[in-house]
N, C-alpha and C. Protein backbone atom coordinates (compact mmCIF):
# COMPACT_ATOMS: atom_id res chain seq x y z
N UNK A 1 -46.63 -12.40 -15.51
CA UNK A 1 -47.44 -13.49 -14.80
C UNK A 1 -46.79 -14.80 -15.50
N UNK A 2 -46.41 -14.81 -16.78
CA UNK A 2 -46.01 -16.35 -17.44
C UNK A 2 -44.81 -16.65 -16.92
N UNK A 3 -43.85 -15.73 -16.65
CA UNK A 3 -42.38 -16.06 -16.08
C UNK A 3 -42.74 -16.89 -14.53
N UNK A 4 -43.61 -16.30 -13.74
CA UNK A 4 -43.64 -16.64 -12.50
C UNK A 4 -44.28 -18.13 -12.44
N UNK A 5 -45.46 -18.32 -13.16
CA UNK A 5 -45.59 -19.73 -13.51
C UNK A 5 -44.68 -20.70 -14.15
N UNK A 6 -43.91 -20.37 -14.99
CA UNK A 6 -42.61 -21.17 -15.52
C UNK A 6 -41.72 -21.43 -14.31
N UNK A 7 -41.35 -20.33 -13.62
CA UNK A 7 -40.41 -20.48 -12.69
C UNK A 7 -40.89 -21.40 -11.43
N UNK A 8 -42.24 -21.54 -11.14
CA UNK A 8 -42.56 -22.30 -10.10
C UNK A 8 -42.82 -23.64 -10.69
N UNK A 9 -43.19 -24.10 -12.09
CA UNK A 9 -43.30 -25.20 -12.50
C UNK A 9 -41.80 -25.94 -12.58
N UNK A 10 -40.91 -25.16 -13.06
CA UNK A 10 -39.27 -25.52 -13.11
C UNK A 10 -39.09 -26.00 -11.47
N UNK A 11 -39.14 -25.27 -10.55
CA UNK A 11 -38.76 -25.49 -9.18
C UNK A 11 -39.57 -26.83 -8.81
N UNK A 12 -40.72 -27.10 -9.11
CA UNK A 12 -41.50 -28.10 -8.63
C UNK A 12 -41.08 -29.31 -9.01
N UNK A 13 -40.92 -29.28 -10.51
CA UNK A 13 -40.42 -30.53 -11.14
C UNK A 13 -39.02 -30.88 -10.81
N UNK A 14 -38.05 -30.23 -10.49
CA UNK A 14 -36.98 -30.38 -10.12
C UNK A 14 -36.85 -31.08 -8.69
N UNK A 15 -37.60 -30.85 -7.83
CA UNK A 15 -37.79 -31.16 -6.46
C UNK A 15 -38.28 -32.77 -6.60
N UNK A 16 -39.02 -32.81 -7.45
CA UNK A 16 -39.62 -34.31 -7.74
C UNK A 16 -38.70 -35.17 -8.24
N UNK A 17 -37.74 -34.82 -9.21
CA UNK A 17 -36.87 -35.69 -9.63
C UNK A 17 -35.54 -35.92 -8.49
N UNK A 18 -35.45 -35.04 -7.82
CA UNK A 18 -34.45 -35.10 -6.82
C UNK A 18 -34.92 -36.20 -5.82
N UNK A 19 -36.25 -36.26 -5.62
CA UNK A 19 -36.71 -37.23 -4.39
C UNK A 19 -36.68 -38.76 -5.16
N UNK A 20 -36.63 -39.05 -6.40
CA UNK A 20 -36.66 -40.08 -6.97
C UNK A 20 -35.21 -41.03 -6.82
N UNK A 21 -34.40 -40.18 -6.45
CA UNK A 21 -32.95 -40.74 -6.32
C UNK A 21 -32.96 -41.77 -4.77
N UNK A 22 -33.90 -41.54 -4.00
CA UNK A 22 -34.04 -42.33 -2.83
C UNK A 22 -34.48 -43.76 -2.92
N UNK A 23 -35.04 -43.90 -4.08
CA UNK A 23 -35.67 -45.14 -4.30
C UNK A 23 -35.13 -46.00 -5.65
N UNK A 24 -34.00 -45.71 -6.06
CA UNK A 24 -33.31 -46.22 -7.29
C UNK A 24 -32.80 -47.69 -7.07
N UNK A 25 -32.46 -47.96 -5.68
CA UNK A 25 -32.00 -49.45 -5.37
C UNK A 25 -32.96 -50.21 -5.14
N UNK A 26 -34.24 -49.80 -5.22
CA UNK A 26 -35.45 -50.83 -5.17
C UNK A 26 -36.11 -51.46 -6.31
N UNK A 27 -36.38 -52.53 -6.56
CA UNK A 27 -36.72 -53.21 -7.44
C UNK A 27 -38.23 -53.72 -7.59
N UNK A 28 -38.63 -53.66 -6.20
CA UNK A 28 -40.06 -54.26 -6.02
C UNK A 28 -40.68 -53.82 -4.71
N UNK A 29 -41.91 -53.67 -4.77
CA UNK A 29 -42.61 -52.96 -3.55
C UNK A 29 -43.62 -54.00 -3.37
N UNK A 30 -43.72 -54.69 -1.91
CA UNK A 30 -44.90 -55.58 -1.45
C UNK A 30 -45.85 -55.12 -0.63
N UNK A 31 -46.80 -55.30 -0.83
CA UNK A 31 -48.02 -54.79 0.16
C UNK A 31 -49.14 -55.80 0.52
N UNK A 32 -49.63 -55.42 1.49
CA UNK A 32 -50.63 -56.56 2.02
C UNK A 32 -52.00 -55.78 1.93
N UNK A 33 -53.03 -56.59 1.58
CA UNK A 33 -54.04 -55.69 1.47
C UNK A 33 -55.30 -56.31 2.50
N UNK A 34 -55.50 -55.52 3.30
CA UNK A 34 -56.47 -55.80 4.73
C UNK A 34 -57.85 -55.27 4.32
N UNK A 35 -58.86 -55.84 4.88
CA UNK A 35 -60.47 -55.48 5.02
C UNK A 35 -61.01 -55.99 6.19
N UNK A 36 -61.38 -55.03 6.92
CA UNK A 36 -62.04 -55.14 8.13
C UNK A 36 -60.87 -55.79 9.17
N UNK A 37 -59.77 -55.49 9.14
CA UNK A 37 -58.64 -56.16 9.71
C UNK A 37 -58.27 -57.68 9.64
N UNK A 38 -58.81 -58.15 8.63
CA UNK A 38 -58.36 -59.19 7.91
C UNK A 38 -57.36 -59.28 6.54
N UNK A 39 -56.36 -60.08 6.68
CA UNK A 39 -55.73 -60.19 5.34
C UNK A 39 -56.30 -60.89 4.42
N UNK A 40 -56.67 -60.11 3.24
CA UNK A 40 -57.32 -60.76 2.08
C UNK A 40 -56.51 -61.01 0.84
N UNK A 41 -55.22 -60.45 0.69
CA UNK A 41 -54.53 -60.54 -0.60
C UNK A 41 -53.08 -59.62 -0.41
N UNK A 42 -52.53 -59.83 -1.45
CA UNK A 42 -51.17 -59.38 -1.37
C UNK A 42 -51.29 -58.22 -2.95
N UNK A 43 -50.07 -57.64 -2.85
CA UNK A 43 -50.06 -56.61 -4.33
C UNK A 43 -48.54 -56.69 -4.52
N UNK A 44 -48.08 -56.72 -5.67
CA UNK A 44 -46.49 -56.37 -5.88
C UNK A 44 -46.59 -55.56 -7.20
N UNK A 45 -45.74 -54.60 -7.00
CA UNK A 45 -45.04 -53.93 -8.13
C UNK A 45 -43.62 -53.95 -8.37
N UNK A 46 -43.45 -54.24 -9.66
CA UNK A 46 -41.90 -54.64 -10.05
C UNK A 46 -41.47 -53.38 -10.76
N UNK A 47 -40.34 -53.20 -10.73
CA UNK A 47 -39.59 -51.95 -11.61
C UNK A 47 -38.55 -52.53 -12.35
N UNK A 48 -38.52 -52.24 -13.47
CA UNK A 48 -37.33 -52.38 -14.41
C UNK A 48 -36.75 -51.19 -14.90
N UNK A 49 -35.78 -51.09 -14.81
CA UNK A 49 -34.64 -49.72 -15.12
C UNK A 49 -33.81 -50.00 -16.45
N UNK A 50 -33.97 -48.98 -17.25
CA UNK A 50 -33.03 -49.17 -18.55
C UNK A 50 -31.62 -48.54 -18.14
N UNK A 51 -30.56 -49.23 -18.48
CA UNK A 51 -29.31 -48.66 -18.21
C UNK A 51 -29.09 -47.75 -19.40
N UNK A 52 -28.25 -46.46 -19.04
CA UNK A 52 -27.95 -45.57 -20.22
C UNK A 52 -26.41 -45.96 -20.72
């Protein structure tokens, strides 16, 4: 049973890491915040990557 759980964990974690390659060219995410159909604010996320 432990072997099956370990195998599932490894397969799921490798899929997540592969998905991140799609976003490596992005440095910022911008979002508009709406309430009741009106724009009430903005939200920005900035990403800093370490070069190896």
